[in-house]
Amino acid sequence: MSISSVVKSIQDIMRKDAGVDGDAQRLGQMSWLLFLKIFDAQEEDLEFELDDYRSPIPEEYLWRNWAADKQGMTGEELLGFINNDLLPDLKNLIAPVDKNPRGFVVKEAFSDAFNYGKHA
């Protein structure tokens, strides 16, 4: 499946959500979602390659631990997690660029991230 068909599929799903209004908000939503998905894939590679590797973000915010589980959170529970835990904690991540450069990238990526979705 090509990236353009994946993006179109995501946009089609987001168009059904009354909270996401317009392409600008859809792009913002997709950006932080795809960032976390890709970041987690990189984390898995680093964990495999480096014996003592520790993720710069809390374990519960890795994609595999909340989004990849088909039996995991949905609905209000998922929205609460995203709005009350995930986004605020990643925005406020303590990650000095000199000591935690990957964490710093996460913090910066989420500095202006918002969840506009009302349905999960």
Protein backbone atom coordinates (compact mmCIF):
# COMPACT_ATOMS: atom_id res chain seq x y z
CA MET A 1 0.00 0.00 0.00
CA SER A 2 1.44 3.38 -0.98
CA ILE A 3 1.86 6.25 1.45
CA SER A 4 -0.66 8.34 -0.51
CA SER A 5 -3.34 5.67 -0.16
CA VAL A 6 -2.60 5.36 3.57
CA VAL A 7 -2.89 9.14 4.03
CA LYS A 8 -6.12 9.22 2.01
CA SER A 9 -7.54 6.41 4.12
CA ILE A 10 -6.66 8.29 7.32
CA GLN A 11 -8.20 11.49 5.94
CA ASP A 12 -11.40 9.64 5.06
CA ILE A 13 -11.67 8.33 8.62
CA MET A 14 -10.96 11.78 10.08
CA ARG A 15 -13.61 13.41 7.88
CA LYS A 16 -16.21 11.41 9.81
CA ASP A 17 -15.12 12.99 13.11
CA ALA A 18 -16.98 16.22 13.88
CA GLY A 19 -14.07 17.44 15.99
CA VAL A 20 -11.59 17.50 13.12
CA ASP A 21 -12.57 20.41 10.91
CA GLY A 22 -10.64 20.90 7.68
CA ASP A 23 -7.42 19.74 6.15
CA ALA A 24 -5.23 21.86 8.44
CA GLN A 25 -6.48 20.06 11.54
CA ARG A 26 -6.34 16.68 9.82
CA LEU A 27 -2.72 17.33 8.85
CA GLY A 28 -1.85 18.29 12.43
CA GLN A 29 -3.52 15.14 13.76
CA MET A 30 -1.80 12.90 11.24
CA SER A 31 1.56 14.52 11.94
CA TRP A 32 1.75 13.63 15.60
CA LEU A 33 0.18 10.20 15.08
CA LEU A 34 2.63 9.27 12.32
CA PHE A 35 5.50 10.76 14.32
CA LEU A 36 4.75 8.44 17.25
CA LYS A 37 4.36 5.41 14.97
CA ILE A 38 7.68 6.04 13.23
CA PHE A 39 9.43 7.00 16.46
CA ASP A 40 8.38 3.71 18.05
CA ALA A 41 9.68 1.74 15.06
CA GLN A 42 13.03 3.48 15.49
CA GLU A 43 12.95 2.74 19.21
CA GLU A 44 12.48 -0.96 18.50
CA ASP A 45 15.51 -0.90 16.21
CA LEU A 46 17.62 0.84 18.85
CA GLU A 47 16.47 -1.59 21.55
CA PHE A 48 17.53 -4.48 19.32
CA GLU A 49 20.90 -2.96 18.43
CA LEU A 50 21.94 -1.53 21.81
CA ASP A 51 21.89 -3.71 24.92
CA ASP A 52 21.41 -0.89 27.42
CA TYR A 53 19.12 1.36 25.36
CA ARG A 54 16.31 3.14 27.18
CA SER A 55 13.58 5.07 25.41
CA PRO A 56 13.60 8.82 26.05
CA ILE A 57 9.83 8.79 26.52
CA PRO A 58 7.81 6.88 29.10
CA GLU A 59 7.02 3.28 28.13
CA GLU A 60 3.25 3.85 28.19
CA TYR A 61 3.54 6.44 25.39
CA LEU A 62 5.28 4.16 22.92
CA TRP A 63 2.93 3.37 20.03
CA ARG A 64 3.13 -0.37 20.65
CA ASN A 65 1.79 0.06 24.18
CA TRP A 66 -1.34 2.06 23.48
CA ALA A 67 -2.17 2.33 19.77
CA ALA A 68 -1.07 -1.01 18.33
CA ASP A 69 -3.18 -3.12 20.69
CA LYS A 70 -6.41 -3.99 18.85
CA GLN A 71 -7.98 -4.96 22.19
CA GLY A 72 -6.73 -1.79 23.88
CA MET A 73 -8.33 1.51 24.68
CA THR A 74 -11.17 2.93 22.62
CA GLY A 75 -13.79 5.65 22.95
CA GLU A 76 -13.74 7.91 25.97
CA GLU A 77 -10.90 5.99 27.60
CA LEU A 78 -8.66 6.55 24.57
CA LEU A 79 -9.64 10.22 24.26
CA GLY A 80 -8.93 10.74 27.95
CA PHE A 81 -5.53 9.08 27.62
CA ILE A 82 -4.59 11.23 24.61
CA ASN A 83 -5.93 14.51 25.97
CA ASN A 84 -5.02 14.14 29.66
CA ASP A 85 -1.85 12.05 29.61
CA LEU A 86 -0.10 11.52 26.27
CA LEU A 87 -0.12 15.03 24.79
CA PRO A 88 0.45 17.00 28.02
CA ASP A 89 3.23 14.69 29.21
CA LEU A 90 5.07 14.70 25.87
CA LYS A 91 4.77 18.51 25.67
CA ASN A 92 6.30 18.76 29.14
CA LEU A 93 8.91 16.05 28.74
CA ILE A 94 12.12 16.88 30.58
CA ALA A 95 14.63 16.41 27.82
CA PRO A 96 17.65 18.70 27.64
CA VAL A 97 19.05 18.59 24.12
CA ASP A 98 22.58 17.80 25.37
CA LYS A 99 21.53 14.89 27.62
CA ASN A 100 18.47 13.52 25.83
CA PRO A 101 18.48 14.60 22.17
CA ARG A 102 15.81 12.11 21.05
CA GLY A 103 13.58 13.19 23.92
CA PHE A 104 14.19 16.81 22.99
CA VAL A 105 12.96 16.07 19.46
CA VAL A 106 9.81 14.49 20.89
CA LYS A 107 9.18 17.47 23.17
CA GLU A 108 9.61 19.90 20.30
CA ALA A 109 7.41 17.84 17.98
CA PHE A 110 4.62 17.91 20.56
CA SER A 111 5.06 21.52 21.68
CA ASP A 112 2.13 22.60 19.50
CA ALA A 113 0.32 19.28 19.02
CA PHE A 114 -3.39 19.11 19.74
CA ASN A 115 -6.04 16.46 19.54
CA TYR A 116 -9.09 17.75 17.70
CA GLY A 117 -10.78 14.37 17.47
CA LYS A 118 -13.92 13.75 19.44
CA HIS A 119 -14.36 10.07 18.53
CA ALA A 120 -11.85 7.31 18.96
